[in-house]
Amino acid sequence: MSQPPDGLPVYRVLTGPDDAAFCRRVSEALALGYRLHEGPALTFNGENVIVAQAVLWPEAGSR
């Protein structure tokens, strides 16, 4: 498949609290065929650790 399913963009940044729901969202993107783009970024908002993880559709990186 040369394009992501359901009209999703080739590059996505997933963000949210560092919890099981965020991990599931990243896992779902990987199951669709996305690949991690570098490591995650972390910050603290005073209450929670917030994480951002970029994912890239594999064919997008080969152009």
C-alpha atoms as a PDB file:
ATOM      1  CA  MET A   1       0.000   0.000   0.000  1.00  0.00           C
ATOM      2  CA  SER A   2       1.633   3.253  -1.106  1.00  0.00           C
ATOM      3  CA  GLN A   3      -0.666   5.560   0.875  1.00  0.00           C
ATOM      4  CA  PRO A   4      -1.936   5.346   4.451  1.00  0.00           C
ATOM      5  CA  PRO A   5      -5.469   3.974   4.893  1.00  0.00           C
ATOM      6  CA  ASP A   6      -8.587   6.068   5.403  1.00  0.00           C
ATOM      7  CA  GLY A   7      -7.032   9.242   3.991  1.00  0.00           C
ATOM      8  CA  LEU A   8      -4.637   9.573   6.935  1.00  0.00           C
ATOM      9  CA  PRO A   9      -1.569  11.789   6.363  1.00  0.00           C
ATOM     10  CA  VAL A  10       1.831  10.232   5.714  1.00  0.00           C
ATOM     11  CA  TYR A  11       3.313  12.112   8.683  1.00  0.00           C
ATOM     12  CA  ARG A  12       1.540  12.213  12.027  1.00  0.00           C
ATOM     13  CA  VAL A  13       2.474  13.470  15.478  1.00  0.00           C
ATOM     14  CA  LEU A  14       0.604  11.739  18.264  1.00  0.00           C
ATOM     15  CA  THR A  15       0.507  13.589  21.589  1.00  0.00           C
ATOM     16  CA  GLY A  16      -1.009  13.080  24.995  1.00  0.00           C
ATOM     17  CA  PRO A  17      -0.394  12.093  28.590  1.00  0.00           C
ATOM     18  CA  ASP A  18       2.079   9.243  29.007  1.00  0.00           C
ATOM     19  CA  ASP A  19      -0.517   6.580  29.777  1.00  0.00           C
ATOM     20  CA  ALA A  20      -1.928   3.335  28.421  1.00  0.00           C
ATOM     21  CA  ALA A  21      -4.323   5.170  26.082  1.00  0.00           C
ATOM     22  CA  PHE A  22      -1.429   6.997  24.424  1.00  0.00           C
ATOM     23  CA  CYS A  23       0.522   3.753  24.078  1.00  0.00           C
ATOM     24  CA  ARG A  24      -2.515   2.140  22.433  1.00  0.00           C
ATOM     25  CA  ARG A  25      -2.763   5.022  19.920  1.00  0.00           C
ATOM     26  CA  VAL A  26       0.892   4.594  18.953  1.00  0.00           C
ATOM     27  CA  SER A  27       0.461   0.808  18.785  1.00  0.00           C
ATOM     28  CA  GLU A  28      -2.575   1.214  16.509  1.00  0.00           C
ATOM     29  CA  ALA A  29      -0.583   3.457  14.158  1.00  0.00           C
ATOM     30  CA  LEU A  30       2.205   0.864  14.033  1.00  0.00           C
ATOM     31  CA  ALA A  31      -0.325  -1.897  13.335  1.00  0.00           C
ATOM     32  CA  LEU A  32      -1.644   0.127  10.374  1.00  0.00           C
ATOM     33  CA  GLY A  33       1.870   0.176   8.916  1.00  0.00           C
ATOM     34  CA  TYR A  34       3.345   3.444  10.187  1.00  0.00           C
ATOM     35  CA  ARG A  35       6.933   3.437  11.461  1.00  0.00           C
ATOM     36  CA  LEU A  36       8.328   5.416  14.369  1.00  0.00           C
ATOM     37  CA  HIS A  37      10.122   8.574  13.254  1.00  0.00           C
ATOM     38  CA  GLU A  38      12.959   9.048  15.737  1.00  0.00           C
ATOM     39  CA  GLY A  39      12.330   8.900  19.471  1.00  0.00           C
ATOM     40  CA  PRO A  40       9.573  10.470  21.526  1.00  0.00           C
ATOM     41  CA  ALA A  41       9.666  13.950  23.041  1.00  0.00           C
ATOM     42  CA  LEU A  42       8.614  14.395  26.661  1.00  0.00           C
ATOM     43  CA  THR A  43       7.591  17.384  28.742  1.00  0.00           C
ATOM     44  CA  PHE A  44       5.893  17.980  32.056  1.00  0.00           C
ATOM     45  CA  ASN A  45       2.850  20.255  32.331  1.00  0.00           C
ATOM     46  CA  GLY A  46       2.916  20.556  36.112  1.00  0.00           C
ATOM     47  CA  GLU A  47       0.685  17.515  36.599  1.00  0.00           C
ATOM     48  CA  ASN A  48       1.470  14.908  33.940  1.00  0.00           C
ATOM     49  CA  VAL A  49       4.253  13.811  31.654  1.00  0.00           C
ATOM     50  CA  ILE A  50       3.133  14.671  28.107  1.00  0.00           C
ATOM     51  CA  VAL A  51       4.634  12.703  25.256  1.00  0.00           C
ATOM     52  CA  ALA A  52       4.801  13.320  21.516  1.00  0.00           C
ATOM     53  CA  GLN A  53       5.685  10.602  19.012  1.00  0.00           C
ATOM     54  CA  ALA A  54       6.002  11.184  15.288  1.00  0.00           C
ATOM     55  CA  VAL A  55       5.104   8.343  12.941  1.00  0.00           C
ATOM     56  CA  LEU A  56       5.803   8.182   9.213  1.00  0.00           C
ATOM     57  CA  TRP A  57       4.269   6.097   6.476  1.00  0.00           C
ATOM     58  CA  PRO A  58       7.148   3.916   5.109  1.00  0.00           C
ATOM     59  CA  GLU A  59       6.860   4.882   1.433  1.00  0.00           C
ATOM     60  CA  ALA A  60       6.962   8.584   2.317  1.00  0.00           C
ATOM     61  CA  GLY A  61      10.577   8.339   3.468  1.00  0.00           C
ATOM     62  CA  SER A  62      11.804   6.832   0.192  1.00  0.00           C
ATOM     63  CA  ARG A  63      10.939   9.794  -2.054  1.00  0.00           C
END
